[in-house]
Amino acid sequence: MTKTSPSGAPWRNFYGRRRGKGLRDSQKGYLASDLAELALRNVSWAENPDRAPLDLTADFSDRPVWLEIGFGGGEHMVHQALANPQVAMIGCEPYINGVAMLLGKIRKSGARNIAIHPGDARDLFDVLPVGAIEKAFLLYPDPWPKKRHHRRRFVTPEHLTPLARTLAPGAELRIATDTPDYVRQALEQVPRHGFDWLAERPRDWRQPWDDWLSTRYEQKALREGRTPHYLTFRRDSTT
């Protein structure tokens, strides 16, 4: 029997921070005034205990839907939203400081095609319809460098199985990381869950995508002498 929390949700271990040292007054204001309008409804167990699939057409009409998992400070997601106004972007991030940073960038940029889930991606996967996502981004995820912590990484069956379910056949999955062992694990695990790695030559994983915006995490990696890797997968249409 699956263990559940008092709310009825399955008991899921969560690793990582949900809140940092402090928020600026402006960021507190963004959370208070902007988050409710941009947050996806019916994702939480309190709102949707039956885990009914979201009606994305009600929020996004017939727009293609892209997903960024762990958007950090939100700069890449805002960049993609502005460059692709015909697309609806969903960002998932449990770290409330990152959510506040994104809200500030949305207000400054004027982007109007972003929705936010300020919580665990697994709860969002529960309620996303099958095949609803046409492109997904996993950019500089927590590397969990110690070997005993590798099971906490996103590129494990606990996350990849529901992610594959929510991606449409032919959908693109982009992973960026500066951790060689994370690359190894991604290349081992992601194809096992219905994805094809699209690299044909070294430049395909050594050079960023044409529409790439370097994030603050990548800039830190470059300053510290670490090498970014850019992995592109496609959801297999036969599984």
C-alpha atoms as a PDB file:
ATOM      1  CA  MET A   1       0.000   0.000   0.000  1.00  0.00           C
ATOM      2  CA  THR A   2       1.267   3.480  -0.906  1.00  0.00           C
ATOM      3  CA  LYS A   3       1.833   5.680   2.125  1.00  0.00           C
ATOM      4  CA  THR A   4      -0.151   8.911   2.090  1.00  0.00           C
ATOM      5  CA  SER A   5       0.080  12.240   3.861  1.00  0.00           C
ATOM      6  CA  PRO A   6      -2.782  13.606   6.019  1.00  0.00           C
ATOM      7  CA  SER A   7      -4.144  15.392   2.897  1.00  0.00           C
ATOM      8  CA  GLY A   8      -4.428  12.087   1.032  1.00  0.00           C
ATOM      9  CA  ALA A   9      -1.504  12.786  -1.270  1.00  0.00           C
ATOM     10  CA  PRO A  10       1.039  10.001  -1.808  1.00  0.00           C
ATOM     11  CA  TRP A  11       3.986  10.352   0.516  1.00  0.00           C
ATOM     12  CA  ARG A  12       6.828  11.669  -1.623  1.00  0.00           C
ATOM     13  CA  ASN A  13      10.235  12.559  -0.339  1.00  0.00           C
ATOM     14  CA  PHE A  14      11.245  16.054  -1.383  1.00  0.00           C
ATOM     15  CA  TYR A  15      14.911  16.996  -1.485  1.00  0.00           C
ATOM     16  CA  GLY A  16      16.140  20.539  -1.857  1.00  0.00           C
ATOM     17  CA  ARG A  17      15.212  23.982  -0.652  1.00  0.00           C
ATOM     18  CA  ARG A  18      11.754  25.503  -0.791  1.00  0.00           C
ATOM     19  CA  ARG A  19      12.806  28.910   0.559  1.00  0.00           C
ATOM     20  CA  GLY A  20      16.054  30.872   0.796  1.00  0.00           C
ATOM     21  CA  LYS A  21      17.361  33.278   3.400  1.00  0.00           C
ATOM     22  CA  GLY A  22      14.992  36.076   2.630  1.00  0.00           C
ATOM     23  CA  LEU A  23      12.930  37.907   0.063  1.00  0.00           C
ATOM     24  CA  ARG A  24      13.144  41.563  -0.862  1.00  0.00           C
ATOM     25  CA  ASP A  25      10.054  43.632  -0.218  1.00  0.00           C
ATOM     26  CA  SER A  26       9.470  43.899  -3.965  1.00  0.00           C
ATOM     27  CA  GLN A  27       9.582  40.118  -4.309  1.00  0.00           C
ATOM     28  CA  LYS A  28       7.113  39.700  -1.475  1.00  0.00           C
ATOM     29  CA  GLY A  29       4.882  42.084  -3.349  1.00  0.00           C
ATOM     30  CA  TYR A  30       5.109  40.036  -6.554  1.00  0.00           C
ATOM     31  CA  LEU A  31       4.136  36.895  -4.655  1.00  0.00           C
ATOM     32  CA  ALA A  32       1.232  38.628  -2.956  1.00  0.00           C
ATOM     33  CA  SER A  33      -0.179  40.372  -6.021  1.00  0.00           C
ATOM     34  CA  ASP A  34       0.837  38.351  -9.107  1.00  0.00           C
ATOM     35  CA  LEU A  35       1.220  34.669  -8.225  1.00  0.00           C
ATOM     36  CA  ALA A  36      -2.473  33.857  -7.767  1.00  0.00           C
ATOM     37  CA  GLU A  37      -3.281  35.073 -11.283  1.00  0.00           C
ATOM     38  CA  LEU A  38      -0.431  33.118 -12.911  1.00  0.00           C
ATOM     39  CA  ALA A  39      -0.526  29.912 -10.861  1.00  0.00           C
ATOM     40  CA  LEU A  40      -2.083  26.871 -12.493  1.00  0.00           C
ATOM     41  CA  ARG A  41      -5.334  25.882 -10.835  1.00  0.00           C
ATOM     42  CA  ASN A  42      -6.330  22.370  -9.730  1.00  0.00           C
ATOM     43  CA  VAL A  43      -2.797  21.044  -9.366  1.00  0.00           C
ATOM     44  CA  SER A  44      -2.649  20.771  -5.577  1.00  0.00           C
ATOM     45  CA  TRP A  45      -4.197  17.845  -3.743  1.00  0.00           C
ATOM     46  CA  ALA A  46      -6.391  20.243  -1.768  1.00  0.00           C
ATOM     47  CA  GLU A  47      -7.900  21.665  -4.966  1.00  0.00           C
ATOM     48  CA  ASN A  48      -8.005  18.409  -6.897  1.00  0.00           C
ATOM     49  CA  PRO A  49      -8.043  15.374  -4.607  1.00  0.00           C
ATOM     50  CA  ASP A  50      -9.399  13.130  -7.388  1.00  0.00           C
ATOM     51  CA  ARG A  51      -6.433  14.115  -9.611  1.00  0.00           C
ATOM     52  CA  ALA A  52      -8.666  14.944 -12.555  1.00  0.00           C
ATOM     53  CA  PRO A  53      -6.642  15.951 -15.638  1.00  0.00           C
ATOM     54  CA  LEU A  54      -6.247  19.676 -16.213  1.00  0.00           C
ATOM     55  CA  ASP A  55      -8.254  21.256 -19.004  1.00  0.00           C
ATOM     56  CA  LEU A  56      -5.381  23.097 -20.658  1.00  0.00           C
ATOM     57  CA  THR A  57      -7.563  24.336 -23.499  1.00  0.00           C
ATOM     58  CA  ALA A  58      -9.553  26.379 -20.973  1.00  0.00           C
ATOM     59  CA  ASP A  59      -6.386  28.292 -20.020  1.00  0.00           C
ATOM     60  CA  PHE A  60      -4.408  28.218 -23.258  1.00  0.00           C
ATOM     61  CA  SER A  61      -6.978  27.696 -26.079  1.00  0.00           C
ATOM     62  CA  ASP A  62      -5.258  25.608 -28.742  1.00  0.00           C
ATOM     63  CA  ARG A  63      -1.726  26.883 -28.134  1.00  0.00           C
ATOM     64  CA  PRO A  64       1.141  24.402 -28.042  1.00  0.00           C
ATOM     65  CA  VAL A  65       2.242  23.947 -24.423  1.00  0.00           C
ATOM     66  CA  TRP A  66       5.905  23.890 -23.383  1.00  0.00           C
ATOM     67  CA  LEU A  67       7.159  22.962 -19.917  1.00  0.00           C
ATOM     68  CA  GLU A  68      10.262  24.093 -18.030  1.00  0.00           C
ATOM     69  CA  ILE A  69      11.067  21.908 -15.032  1.00  0.00           C
ATOM     70  CA  GLY A  70      12.901  23.835 -12.335  1.00  0.00           C
ATOM     71  CA  PHE A  71      13.149  27.268 -13.946  1.00  0.00           C
ATOM     72  CA  GLY A  72      15.609  28.737 -11.434  1.00  0.00           C
ATOM     73  CA  GLY A  73      15.427  32.515 -11.742  1.00  0.00           C
ATOM     74  CA  GLY A  74      13.157  32.329 -14.784  1.00  0.00           C
ATOM     75  CA  GLU A  75      15.345  34.118 -17.336  1.00  0.00           C
ATOM     76  CA  HIS A  76      15.267  31.283 -19.877  1.00  0.00           C
ATOM     77  CA  MET A  77      11.522  30.805 -19.604  1.00  0.00           C
ATOM     78  CA  VAL A  78      10.784  34.493 -20.107  1.00  0.00           C
ATOM     79  CA  HIS A  79      13.170  34.501 -23.065  1.00  0.00           C
ATOM     80  CA  GLN A  80      11.335  31.581 -24.668  1.00  0.00           C
ATOM     81  CA  ALA A  81       7.911  33.068 -23.917  1.00  0.00           C
ATOM     82  CA  LEU A  82       8.786  36.359 -25.596  1.00  0.00           C
ATOM     83  CA  ALA A  83      10.401  34.635 -28.585  1.00  0.00           C
ATOM     84  CA  ASN A  84       7.414  32.284 -29.030  1.00  0.00           C
ATOM     85  CA  PRO A  85       4.217  34.236 -28.306  1.00  0.00           C
ATOM     86  CA  GLN A  86       2.154  31.535 -30.025  1.00  0.00           C
ATOM     87  CA  VAL A  87       3.187  29.056 -27.292  1.00  0.00           C
ATOM     88  CA  ALA A  88       1.945  28.673 -23.715  1.00  0.00           C
ATOM     89  CA  MET A  89       4.794  28.185 -21.237  1.00  0.00           C
ATOM     90  CA  ILE A  90       4.344  26.317 -17.946  1.00  0.00           C
ATOM     91  CA  GLY A  91       7.108  26.664 -15.394  1.00  0.00           C
ATOM     92  CA  CYS A  92       7.485  24.350 -12.422  1.00  0.00           C
ATOM     93  CA  GLU A  93       9.659  25.428  -9.479  1.00  0.00           C
ATOM     94  CA  PRO A  94       9.316  24.577  -5.759  1.00  0.00           C
ATOM     95  CA  TYR A  95      11.896  27.190  -4.647  1.00  0.00           C
ATOM     96  CA  ILE A  96       9.787  30.197  -3.728  1.00  0.00           C
ATOM     97  CA  ASN A  97      12.676  32.642  -4.142  1.00  0.00           C
ATOM     98  CA  GLY A  98      12.981  31.536  -7.765  1.00  0.00           C
ATOM     99  CA  VAL A  99       9.237  31.981  -8.237  1.00  0.00           C
ATOM    100  CA  ALA A 100       9.519  35.530  -6.915  1.00  0.00           C
ATOM    101  CA  MET A 101      12.404  36.243  -9.292  1.00  0.00           C
ATOM    102  CA  LEU A 102      10.373  34.957 -12.236  1.00  0.00           C
ATOM    103  CA  LEU A 103       7.385  37.093 -11.284  1.00  0.00           C
ATOM    104  CA  GLY A 104       9.589  40.168 -11.314  1.00  0.00           C
ATOM    105  CA  LYS A 105      10.908  39.267 -14.785  1.00  0.00           C
ATOM    106  CA  ILE A 106       7.382  38.670 -16.092  1.00  0.00           C
ATOM    107  CA  ARG A 107       6.239  42.042 -14.812  1.00  0.00           C
ATOM    108  CA  LYS A 108       9.256  43.800 -16.347  1.00  0.00           C
ATOM    109  CA  SER A 109       9.083  41.983 -19.710  1.00  0.00           C
ATOM    110  CA  GLY A 110       5.333  42.051 -20.193  1.00  0.00           C
ATOM    111  CA  ALA A 111       5.209  38.335 -21.112  1.00  0.00           C
ATOM    112  CA  ARG A 112       1.609  37.139 -21.158  1.00  0.00           C
ATOM    113  CA  ASN A 113       1.938  33.460 -22.050  1.00  0.00           C
ATOM    114  CA  ILE A 114       3.388  31.996 -18.827  1.00  0.00           C
ATOM    115  CA  ALA A 115       1.707  29.912 -16.135  1.00  0.00           C
ATOM    116  CA  ILE A 116       3.416  28.724 -12.953  1.00  0.00           C
ATOM    117  CA  HIS A 117       3.264  25.697 -10.712  1.00  0.00           C
ATOM    118  CA  PRO A 118       5.145  26.741  -7.549  1.00  0.00           C
ATOM    119  CA  GLY A 119       5.696  23.211  -6.302  1.00  0.00           C
ATOM    120  CA  ASP A 120       6.837  19.655  -6.957  1.00  0.00           C
ATOM    121  CA  ALA A 121       6.866  18.615 -10.613  1.00  0.00           C
ATOM    122  CA  ARG A 122       5.482  15.208  -9.665  1.00  0.00           C
ATOM    123  CA  ASP A 123       2.214  16.787  -8.509  1.00  0.00           C
ATOM    124  CA  LEU A 124       1.930  18.569 -11.855  1.00  0.00           C
ATOM    125  CA  PHE A 125       2.642  15.354 -13.775  1.00  0.00           C
ATOM    126  CA  ASP A 126      -0.255  13.719 -11.910  1.00  0.00           C
ATOM    127  CA  VAL A 127      -2.770  16.019 -13.579  1.00  0.00           C
ATOM    128  CA  LEU A 128      -1.259  16.915 -16.950  1.00  0.00           C
ATOM    129  CA  PRO A 129      -3.196  15.186 -19.742  1.00  0.00           C
ATOM    130  CA  VAL A 130      -1.463  12.442 -21.700  1.00  0.00           C
ATOM    131  CA  GLY A 131       0.574  13.890 -24.565  1.00  0.00           C
ATOM    132  CA  ALA A 132      -0.179  17.500 -23.612  1.00  0.00           C
ATOM    133  CA  ILE A 133       3.382  18.881 -23.716  1.00  0.00           C
ATOM    134  CA  GLU A 134       5.154  19.556 -27.008  1.00  0.00           C
ATOM    135  CA  LYS A 135       8.541  20.624 -25.652  1.00  0.00           C
ATOM    136  CA  ALA A 136      10.194  20.307 -22.238  1.00  0.00           C
ATOM    137  CA  PHE A 137      13.310  21.847 -20.706  1.00  0.00           C
ATOM    138  CA  LEU A 138      15.423  20.527 -17.827  1.00  0.00           C
ATOM    139  CA  LEU A 139      18.187  23.093 -17.457  1.00  0.00           C
ATOM    140  CA  TYR A 140      20.947  22.757 -14.895  1.00  0.00           C
ATOM    141  CA  PRO A 141      18.993  20.519 -12.509  1.00  0.00           C
ATOM    142  CA  ASP A 142      20.394  19.890  -9.053  1.00  0.00           C
ATOM    143  CA  PRO A 143      23.322  17.535  -9.738  1.00  0.00           C
ATOM    144  CA  TRP A 144      23.254  15.760  -6.362  1.00  0.00           C
ATOM    145  CA  PRO A 145      26.968  14.971  -6.838  1.00  0.00           C
ATOM    146  CA  LYS A 146      27.385  12.373  -4.097  1.00  0.00           C
ATOM    147  CA  LYS A 147      26.840   8.859  -5.415  1.00  0.00           C
ATOM    148  CA  ARG A 148      24.450   7.939  -2.620  1.00  0.00           C
ATOM    149  CA  HIS A 149      22.232  10.842  -3.687  1.00  0.00           C
ATOM    150  CA  HIS A 150      22.021   9.983  -7.398  1.00  0.00           C
ATOM    151  CA  ARG A 151      18.574   8.481  -6.868  1.00  0.00           C
ATOM    152  CA  ARG A 152      17.372  12.015  -6.050  1.00  0.00           C
ATOM    153  CA  ARG A 153      18.193  13.261  -9.528  1.00  0.00           C
ATOM    154  CA  PHE A 154      15.433  14.063 -11.968  1.00  0.00           C
ATOM    155  CA  VAL A 155      16.735  11.580 -14.549  1.00  0.00           C
ATOM    156  CA  THR A 156      15.345   8.593 -12.656  1.00  0.00           C
ATOM    157  CA  PRO A 157      12.252   6.469 -13.363  1.00  0.00           C
ATOM    158  CA  GLU A 158      10.212   8.266 -10.681  1.00  0.00           C
ATOM    159  CA  HIS A 159      10.308  11.425 -12.820  1.00  0.00           C
ATOM    160  CA  LEU A 160      10.964  10.166 -16.333  1.00  0.00           C
ATOM    161  CA  THR A 161       8.019   7.755 -16.443  1.00  0.00           C
ATOM    162  CA  PRO A 162       5.357  10.439 -15.817  1.00  0.00           C
ATOM    163  CA  LEU A 163       7.259  12.966 -17.925  1.00  0.00           C
ATOM    164  CA  ALA A 164       7.193  10.604 -20.893  1.00  0.00           C
ATOM    165  CA  ARG A 165       3.461  10.112 -20.408  1.00  0.00           C
ATOM    166  CA  THR A 166       2.793  13.841 -20.596  1.00  0.00           C
ATOM    167  CA  LEU A 167       4.945  14.494 -23.679  1.00  0.00           C
ATOM    168  CA  ALA A 168       3.379  14.240 -27.111  1.00  0.00           C
ATOM    169  CA  PRO A 169       4.896  11.817 -29.648  1.00  0.00           C
ATOM    170  CA  GLY A 170       7.761  13.638 -31.328  1.00  0.00           C
ATOM    171  CA  ALA A 171       8.076  16.168 -28.492  1.00  0.00           C
ATOM    172  CA  GLU A 172      11.538  17.525 -27.749  1.00  0.00           C
ATOM    173  CA  LEU A 173      13.252  17.244 -24.365  1.00  0.00           C
ATOM    174  CA  ARG A 174      16.278  19.462 -23.749  1.00  0.00           C
ATOM    175  CA  ILE A 175      18.671  18.845 -20.869  1.00  0.00           C
ATOM    176  CA  ALA A 176      21.567  21.157 -20.020  1.00  0.00           C
ATOM    177  CA  THR A 177      24.079  20.294 -17.300  1.00  0.00           C
ATOM    178  CA  ASP A 178      27.703  20.922 -16.395  1.00  0.00           C
ATOM    179  CA  THR A 179      28.062  17.627 -14.509  1.00  0.00           C
ATOM    180  CA  PRO A 180      29.645  14.820 -16.588  1.00  0.00           C
ATOM    181  CA  ASP A 181      28.162  12.095 -14.408  1.00  0.00           C
ATOM    182  CA  TYR A 182      24.711  13.628 -14.837  1.00  0.00           C
ATOM    183  CA  VAL A 183      25.256  13.388 -18.601  1.00  0.00           C
ATOM    184  CA  ARG A 184      26.118   9.698 -18.207  1.00  0.00           C
ATOM    185  CA  GLN A 185      23.021   9.008 -16.134  1.00  0.00           C
ATOM    186  CA  ALA A 186      20.778  10.956 -18.523  1.00  0.00           C
ATOM    187  CA  LEU A 187      22.098   9.045 -21.515  1.00  0.00           C
ATOM    188  CA  GLU A 188      21.507   5.761 -19.698  1.00  0.00           C
ATOM    189  CA  GLN A 189      18.057   6.518 -18.319  1.00  0.00           C
ATOM    190  CA  VAL A 190      16.222   8.848 -20.684  1.00  0.00           C
ATOM    191  CA  PRO A 191      16.262   6.483 -23.731  1.00  0.00           C
ATOM    192  CA  ARG A 192      14.839   3.721 -21.526  1.00  0.00           C
ATOM    193  CA  HIS A 193      11.679   5.792 -21.124  1.00  0.00           C
ATOM    194  CA  GLY A 194      10.749   6.232 -24.759  1.00  0.00           C
ATOM    195  CA  PHE A 195      13.194   8.875 -25.990  1.00  0.00           C
ATOM    196  CA  ASP A 196      15.761   8.981 -28.782  1.00  0.00           C
ATOM    197  CA  TRP A 197      18.987  10.959 -28.352  1.00  0.00           C
ATOM    198  CA  LEU A 198      19.357  13.160 -31.425  1.00  0.00           C
ATOM    199  CA  ALA A 199      23.121  13.819 -31.391  1.00  0.00           C
ATOM    200  CA  GLU A 200      24.989  12.881 -34.556  1.00  0.00           C
ATOM    201  CA  ARG A 201      28.336  14.581 -33.920  1.00  0.00           C
ATOM    202  CA  PRO A 202      30.168  16.096 -30.920  1.00  0.00           C
ATOM    203  CA  ARG A 203      29.070  19.664 -31.648  1.00  0.00           C
ATOM    204  CA  ASP A 204      25.469  18.553 -31.070  1.00  0.00           C
ATOM    205  CA  TRP A 205      26.113  18.247 -27.339  1.00  0.00           C
ATOM    206  CA  ARG A 206      28.980  20.724 -27.033  1.00  0.00           C
ATOM    207  CA  GLN A 207      27.226  23.746 -28.502  1.00  0.00           C
ATOM    208  CA  PRO A 208      23.988  25.249 -27.197  1.00  0.00           C
ATOM    209  CA  TRP A 209      20.743  25.397 -29.127  1.00  0.00           C
ATOM    210  CA  ASP A 210      20.284  28.245 -31.605  1.00  0.00           C
ATOM    211  CA  ASP A 211      17.635  29.876 -29.403  1.00  0.00           C
ATOM    212  CA  TRP A 212      19.575  29.378 -26.158  1.00  0.00           C
ATOM    213  CA  LEU A 213      19.816  32.020 -23.464  1.00  0.00           C
ATOM    214  CA  SER A 214      22.685  31.370 -21.066  1.00  0.00           C
ATOM    215  CA  THR A 215      21.384  31.306 -17.505  1.00  0.00           C
ATOM    216  CA  ARG A 216      23.041  32.545 -14.346  1.00  0.00           C
ATOM    217  CA  TYR A 217      23.732  28.924 -13.405  1.00  0.00           C
ATOM    218  CA  GLU A 218      25.593  28.373 -16.641  1.00  0.00           C
ATOM    219  CA  GLN A 219      27.578  31.578 -16.220  1.00  0.00           C
ATOM    220  CA  LYS A 220      28.659  30.393 -12.770  1.00  0.00           C
ATOM    221  CA  ALA A 221      29.708  27.034 -14.227  1.00  0.00           C
ATOM    222  CA  LEU A 222      31.780  28.732 -16.914  1.00  0.00           C
ATOM    223  CA  ARG A 223      33.473  31.002 -14.368  1.00  0.00           C
ATOM    224  CA  GLU A 224      34.372  27.962 -12.291  1.00  0.00           C
ATOM    225  CA  GLY A 225      35.792  26.085 -15.287  1.00  0.00           C
ATOM    226  CA  ARG A 226      33.037  23.518 -15.787  1.00  0.00           C
ATOM    227  CA  THR A 227      31.934  22.513 -19.286  1.00  0.00           C
ATOM    228  CA  PRO A 228      28.249  22.692 -20.237  1.00  0.00           C
ATOM    229  CA  HIS A 229      26.632  19.824 -22.113  1.00  0.00           C
ATOM    230  CA  TYR A 230      23.462  20.183 -24.180  1.00  0.00           C
ATOM    231  CA  LEU A 231      21.439  17.009 -24.718  1.00  0.00           C
ATOM    232  CA  THR A 232      18.462  16.848 -27.077  1.00  0.00           C
ATOM    233  CA  PHE A 233      15.987  13.966 -27.015  1.00  0.00           C
ATOM    234  CA  ARG A 234      12.811  13.279 -28.959  1.00  0.00           C
ATOM    235  CA  ARG A 235       9.814  11.417 -27.587  1.00  0.00           C
ATOM    236  CA  ASP A 236       9.522   8.176 -29.508  1.00  0.00           C
ATOM    237  CA  SER A 237       6.260   8.092 -31.446  1.00  0.00           C
ATOM    238  CA  THR A 238       6.096   4.285 -31.297  1.00  0.00           C
ATOM    239  CA  THR A 239       5.789   3.932 -27.500  1.00  0.00           C
END
